[in-house]
Amino acid sequence: MAMRVIIEGRVQGVGYRAWAVEQARMLGLKGWVRNLLDGSVEVVIDGPIKQLMGFVAYCQDGPSAAHVRRVSTAPAADEVVPEGFEQRPSA
């Protein structure tokens, strides 16, 4: 089950993408993370539901320098998810 997660707040320039890569790999999830032009971070993840929900819960806090205001999720059924987890360029 692929899921799109959008994290809003002070989440760019604080190591959020590198942190997300570490968390996703620790949970055995596949997918990617990137910064968006509006200042948010976008993550597409795929894996077992328990691990997906754990990742979303971790995103509420993020790395220590982040200030997360909102985390929203939506299905990402049409998204092609790579094996492993990668950091992508900003969009």
Protein backbone atom coordinates (compact mmCIF):
# COMPACT_ATOMS: atom_id res chain seq x y z
CA MET A 1 0.00 0.00 0.00
CA ALA A 2 1.70 3.18 -1.18
CA MET A 3 1.05 6.40 0.73
CA ARG A 4 1.87 10.05 0.09
CA VAL A 5 2.80 12.07 3.18
CA ILE A 6 3.08 15.86 3.20
CA ILE A 7 4.86 17.44 6.17
CA GLU A 8 4.36 21.17 6.75
CA GLY A 9 6.05 23.61 9.11
CA ARG A 10 9.74 24.41 9.51
CA VAL A 11 10.86 21.24 7.73
CA GLN A 12 13.36 22.47 5.13
CA GLY A 13 16.96 23.31 5.99
CA VAL A 14 16.76 21.24 9.18
CA GLY A 15 17.86 17.81 7.89
CA TYR A 16 14.33 16.47 7.50
CA ARG A 17 14.98 14.57 4.26
CA ALA A 18 18.07 12.80 5.60
CA TRP A 19 16.18 12.00 8.79
CA ALA A 20 13.24 10.61 6.77
CA VAL A 21 15.58 8.38 4.76
CA GLU A 22 17.05 7.00 8.00
CA GLN A 23 13.63 6.37 9.57
CA ALA A 24 12.18 4.72 6.45
CA ARG A 25 15.18 2.44 6.01
CA MET A 26 15.06 1.51 9.70
CA LEU A 27 11.41 0.47 9.23
CA GLY A 28 12.13 -1.42 6.00
CA LEU A 29 10.00 0.88 3.84
CA LYS A 30 10.43 1.65 0.14
CA GLY A 31 9.97 5.06 -1.45
CA TRP A 32 11.40 8.55 -1.66
CA VAL A 33 11.46 12.00 -0.06
CA ARG A 34 11.88 15.51 -1.52
CA ASN A 35 11.40 19.18 -0.68
CA LEU A 36 8.54 21.03 -2.36
CA LEU A 37 8.64 24.65 -3.50
CA ASP A 38 5.98 25.66 -0.97
CA GLY A 39 8.36 24.82 1.92
CA SER A 40 6.86 21.43 2.76
CA VAL A 41 8.39 17.95 2.47
CA GLU A 42 6.78 15.21 0.39
CA VAL A 43 7.30 11.51 1.07
CA VAL A 44 5.98 8.53 -0.87
CA ILE A 45 6.29 5.30 1.10
CA ASP A 46 5.27 1.71 0.61
CA GLY A 47 5.35 -1.27 2.92
CA PRO A 48 3.39 -3.07 5.63
CA ILE A 49 0.66 -0.93 7.21
CA LYS A 50 2.14 -1.16 10.73
CA GLN A 51 5.46 0.27 9.53
CA LEU A 52 3.70 2.93 7.43
CA MET A 53 1.74 4.11 10.46
CA GLY A 54 4.92 4.11 12.55
CA PHE A 55 6.66 6.29 9.96
CA VAL A 56 3.74 8.75 9.87
CA ALA A 57 3.82 8.95 13.68
CA TYR A 58 7.58 9.68 13.60
CA CYS A 59 6.93 12.45 11.05
CA GLN A 60 4.86 14.34 13.64
CA ASP A 61 8.13 15.15 15.45
CA GLY A 62 10.81 14.90 12.77
CA PRO A 63 14.45 15.73 13.50
CA SER A 64 15.25 17.91 16.52
CA ALA A 65 15.59 21.19 14.55
CA ALA A 66 12.23 20.76 12.79
CA HIS A 67 8.94 22.30 13.88
CA VAL A 68 6.17 20.22 12.33
CA ARG A 69 2.84 22.02 12.03
CA ARG A 70 0.88 19.41 10.07
CA VAL A 71 1.24 15.93 8.59
CA SER A 72 -1.31 14.82 5.98
CA THR A 73 -1.59 11.47 4.21
CA ALA A 74 -3.27 10.20 1.06
CA PRO A 75 -3.13 7.00 -0.97
CA ALA A 76 -0.50 6.97 -3.71
CA ALA A 77 -1.79 4.04 -5.74
CA ASP A 78 -0.53 5.35 -9.10
CA GLU A 79 2.98 6.12 -7.83
CA VAL A 80 5.88 3.93 -8.97
CA VAL A 81 7.85 3.23 -5.80
CA PRO A 82 11.54 2.30 -6.15
CA GLU A 83 13.17 -0.52 -4.26
CA GLY A 84 14.87 0.89 -1.17
CA PHE A 85 14.40 4.47 -0.06
CA GLU A 86 15.96 7.54 -1.71
CA GLN A 87 16.26 11.27 -1.37
CA ARG A 88 15.16 13.06 -4.54
CA PRO A 89 15.88 16.61 -5.76
CA SER A 90 13.45 19.35 -4.80
CA ALA A 91 10.34 19.79 -6.95
